[in-house]
Protein backbone atom coordinates (compact mmCIF):
# COMPACT_ATOMS: atom_id res chain seq x y z
CA MET A 1 -4.80 18.41 -7.51
CA THR A 2 -5.40 19.28 -3.87
CA GLN A 3 -7.21 17.13 -1.61
CA ARG A 4 -9.29 18.50 1.44
CA LEU A 5 -10.12 16.22 4.08
CA GLU A 6 -12.48 16.85 7.07
CA ILE A 7 -10.82 15.35 10.00
CA HIS A 8 -12.43 15.49 13.40
CA PRO A 9 -10.63 17.75 15.80
CA ILE A 10 -11.13 15.64 18.80
CA ASN A 11 -11.92 12.11 17.36
CA PRO A 12 -9.70 11.78 14.36
CA GLN A 13 -11.02 9.29 11.78
CA PRO A 14 -8.42 6.50 11.31
CA ARG A 15 -9.11 5.94 7.70
CA LEU A 16 -8.63 9.79 6.97
CA VAL A 17 -5.56 10.07 9.25
CA GLY A 18 -4.20 7.09 7.33
CA ARG A 19 -4.72 9.06 3.99
CA ALA A 20 -2.81 12.04 5.56
CA ALA A 21 0.12 9.81 6.47
CA ASP A 22 0.34 8.17 2.93
CA CYS A 23 0.49 11.61 1.48
CA LEU A 24 3.42 12.46 3.56
CA ARG A 25 5.07 9.06 2.59
CA GLN A 26 4.80 9.59 -1.02
CA ALA A 27 6.54 13.18 -0.53
CA GLY A 28 3.22 15.16 -0.35
CA LEU A 29 2.97 18.81 1.10
CA ILE A 30 0.06 19.14 3.66
CA VAL A 31 -1.70 21.77 5.76
CA TYR A 32 -2.58 20.60 9.02
CA PRO A 33 -3.99 21.87 12.47
CA THR A 34 -2.00 22.19 15.61
CA ASP A 35 -2.78 23.47 19.11
CA SER A 36 -1.73 26.96 18.17
CA CYS A 37 -2.61 27.49 14.52
CA TYR A 38 -2.22 25.81 10.80
CA ALA A 39 0.88 24.79 9.66
CA PHE A 40 2.72 23.43 6.49
CA GLY A 41 3.95 19.99 7.02
CA CYS A 42 6.14 17.49 4.95
CA ALA A 43 8.13 14.29 5.50
CA LEU A 44 11.81 15.14 7.25
CA ASP A 45 13.61 13.80 3.94
CA ASP A 46 11.32 15.60 1.44
CA ARG A 47 13.64 18.19 -0.19
CA GLN A 48 11.02 19.30 -2.68
CA SER A 49 8.35 20.21 -0.30
CA VAL A 50 10.81 22.01 1.95
CA ARG A 51 11.54 24.16 -1.18
CA GLU A 52 8.00 24.65 -1.74
CA ILE A 53 7.41 25.75 1.79
CA THR A 54 10.20 28.25 1.32
CA ARG A 55 8.85 29.56 -1.86
CA LEU A 56 5.16 29.69 -0.56
CA ARG A 57 6.19 31.51 2.40
CA GLN A 58 9.02 33.62 0.67
CA THR A 59 11.17 33.21 3.64
CA GLY A 60 14.47 32.62 1.95
CA LYS A 61 17.10 29.92 2.57
CA ASN A 62 17.64 30.53 6.28
CA HIS A 63 14.17 29.87 7.28
CA ASN A 64 13.82 28.10 10.69
CA PHE A 65 11.76 24.99 10.36
CA THR A 66 10.32 23.00 13.38
CA LEU A 67 10.38 19.29 13.68
CA ILE A 68 7.05 17.66 15.12
CA CYS A 69 7.43 14.81 17.16
CA ARG A 70 5.30 12.31 18.88
CA ASP A 71 7.25 12.11 22.27
CA LEU A 72 10.37 12.86 24.42
CA ALA A 73 11.72 9.71 23.04
CA GLU A 74 11.46 10.69 19.67
CA ILE A 75 12.96 14.32 20.35
CA SER A 76 16.06 12.48 21.78
CA SER A 77 16.91 11.26 18.36
CA TYR A 78 17.07 14.72 16.76
CA ALA A 79 18.08 17.06 19.49
CA ARG A 80 20.77 16.91 22.23
CA ILE A 81 19.02 16.96 25.77
CA GLU A 82 20.67 17.58 28.86
CA ASN A 83 18.78 16.57 32.15
CA TRP A 84 17.60 19.89 33.21
CA ILE A 85 16.30 20.61 29.73
CA TYR A 86 14.27 17.12 29.66
CA ARG A 87 12.57 18.06 32.94
CA LEU A 88 11.48 21.28 31.50
CA LEU A 89 10.28 19.51 28.14
CA ARG A 90 8.61 16.81 30.29
CA ALA A 91 6.62 19.74 32.29
CA HIS A 92 5.55 21.58 29.01
CA THR A 93 4.89 18.86 26.37
CA PRO A 94 2.46 18.28 24.58
CA GLY A 95 1.70 21.93 24.42
CA PRO A 96 1.98 25.27 22.56
CA TYR A 97 5.86 25.80 22.73
CA THR A 98 8.73 25.34 20.29
CA PHE A 99 11.95 24.66 21.80
CA ILE A 100 15.27 25.44 19.96
CA LEU A 101 17.79 22.81 20.69
CA PRO A 102 21.09 21.71 19.49
CA ALA A 103 20.36 19.26 16.41
CA THR A 104 21.94 15.69 16.10
CA ARG A 105 23.31 14.31 13.20
CA ASP A 106 19.92 12.69 11.98
CA VAL A 107 18.46 16.23 11.21
CA PRO A 108 19.25 16.99 7.73
CA ARG A 109 21.64 20.31 7.66
CA ARG A 110 19.16 21.80 5.01
CA VAL A 111 16.61 22.38 7.75
CA GLN A 112 18.94 23.26 10.61
CA ASN A 113 19.90 26.90 11.56
CA PRO A 114 23.00 27.12 9.37
CA LYS A 115 24.83 29.10 11.68
CA ARG A 116 24.10 27.55 14.97
CA LYS A 117 23.31 23.85 13.82
CA THR A 118 19.91 24.04 16.00
CA ILE A 119 16.55 22.92 15.25
CA GLY A 120 12.99 23.92 16.67
CA ILE A 121 11.15 20.81 18.34
CA ARG A 122 7.43 20.74 19.20
CA ILE A 123 5.04 18.24 20.33
CA PRO A 124 1.60 19.98 19.85
CA ALA A 125 -1.45 18.95 22.08
CA HIS A 126 -3.75 18.33 19.23
CA PRO A 127 -5.57 15.10 18.53
CA VAL A 128 -5.06 15.36 14.60
CA PRO A 129 -1.13 15.63 14.39
CA ALA A 130 -0.86 13.11 17.38
CA ALA A 131 -2.62 10.66 15.08
CA ILE A 132 -0.92 11.36 12.14
CA LEU A 133 2.32 11.19 13.67
CA ALA A 134 1.51 7.66 15.25
CA ALA A 135 0.17 6.48 11.73
CA LEU A 136 3.46 8.02 10.13
CA GLY A 137 5.95 6.72 12.46
CA GLU A 138 8.25 9.46 12.26
CA PRO A 139 8.45 13.39 12.72
CA ILE A 140 6.95 15.98 10.28
CA MET A 141 8.96 18.96 9.22
CA SER A 142 6.59 21.99 9.74
CA SER A 143 6.52 25.80 9.25
CA THR A 144 3.43 28.07 10.35
CA LEU A 145 1.07 28.88 7.80
CA ILE A 146 1.59 32.45 7.32
CA LEU A 147 1.96 33.69 3.73
CA PRO A 148 3.39 36.70 2.12
CA GLY A 149 1.30 40.03 3.15
CA SER A 150 0.05 38.54 6.21
CA GLU A 151 1.02 39.10 9.82
CA LEU A 152 -0.98 36.26 11.39
CA PRO A 153 -1.39 32.66 10.55
CA MET A 154 -4.43 31.70 8.29
CA ASN A 155 -7.21 30.06 10.09
CA ASP A 156 -10.29 30.28 7.84
CA LEU A 157 -10.47 26.88 5.92
CA ASP A 158 -12.26 28.46 2.72
CA GLU A 159 -9.49 31.20 2.52
CA ILE A 160 -6.91 28.73 2.85
CA TRP A 161 -8.32 26.66 0.28
CA GLU A 162 -8.63 29.56 -2.09
CA ARG A 163 -5.05 30.60 -1.65
CA LEU A 164 -3.31 27.17 -1.65
CA ASP A 165 -5.56 24.88 -3.82
CA GLY A 166 -3.03 23.64 -6.62
CA GLU A 167 -0.30 24.68 -4.32
CA VAL A 168 -0.12 21.81 -1.90
CA ASP A 169 -1.09 18.10 -1.86
CA LEU A 170 -3.56 18.24 0.95
CA ILE A 171 -5.51 20.42 3.09
CA ILE A 172 -6.74 19.05 6.32
CA ASP A 173 -9.99 20.79 7.62
CA SER A 174 -10.32 20.44 11.40
CA GLY A 175 -12.14 23.73 11.74
CA GLY A 176 -10.73 26.82 13.33
CA CYS A 177 -7.82 26.44 15.67
CA GLY A 178 -6.53 29.97 16.41
CA VAL A 179 -3.94 32.45 14.89
CA GLU A 180 -1.53 32.77 17.85
CA PRO A 181 1.72 31.09 16.87
CA SER A 182 3.64 28.97 19.47
CA THR A 183 5.90 30.25 22.24
CA VAL A 184 9.34 29.83 21.06
CA VAL A 185 12.10 29.13 23.90
CA ASP A 186 15.90 28.95 23.29
CA LEU A 187 17.32 26.12 25.45
CA THR A 188 21.04 26.14 23.96
CA GLY A 189 22.26 28.02 26.70
CA ASP A 190 22.48 27.73 30.35
CA SER A 191 18.93 28.92 30.85
CA PRO A 192 15.99 29.39 28.75
CA VAL A 193 15.78 32.35 26.54
CA ILE A 194 12.10 33.42 25.38
CA VAL A 195 12.52 34.10 21.42
CA ARG A 196 8.81 34.74 20.61
CA ARG A 197 6.04 35.09 23.20
CA GLY A 198 2.89 33.26 21.68
CA LYS A 199 0.31 30.98 23.00
CA GLY A 200 1.13 29.45 26.38
CA SER A 201 2.40 30.65 29.68
CA VAL A 202 5.97 31.75 29.69
CA ARG A 203 6.39 32.01 33.75
CA ALA A 204 8.62 28.98 33.87
CA PHE A 205 11.07 30.28 31.54
CA GLU A 206 11.47 33.82 32.66
């Protein structure tokens, strides 16, 4: 049965944040807000929820997942970062950006890009995921909440409930947070490459 928690978007209630973190620890699949749009989320080692996200989005086995982290120190455990990349990340996180980086051995192969061995990394500037990450103590595996037949992420919580009641374990209602996905920047080469223009300025990456 799907739970629905109304968590304040500016001042997340610790008790409710704790329930969301517990859901993830118990291999639960959640829907949560970010600074760009709503997303699916699960624990890094939760194979079943990763498969459920792939099924719900109908994306296939090669879908690129994103790792939501607390800070730059946590990113360095899951991605290889050169000095110039570190400076770029420090200047643009937290924020509405997803950075593609070479994955370390701590990232399960099933969520890496199978050919390039990369992973998307993100630190959203939103109090709710920040609070959940702090309570959980580890990253969240994530994918934008776009369902088959839609070109944009879902943003209406009543519609999200109607579509996903019984399909996920928890839906976090923090009000509308937009329908523009994050800007995706590939940092695996000698210079940044913009893969997708979304929310956030791209001037520093051009």
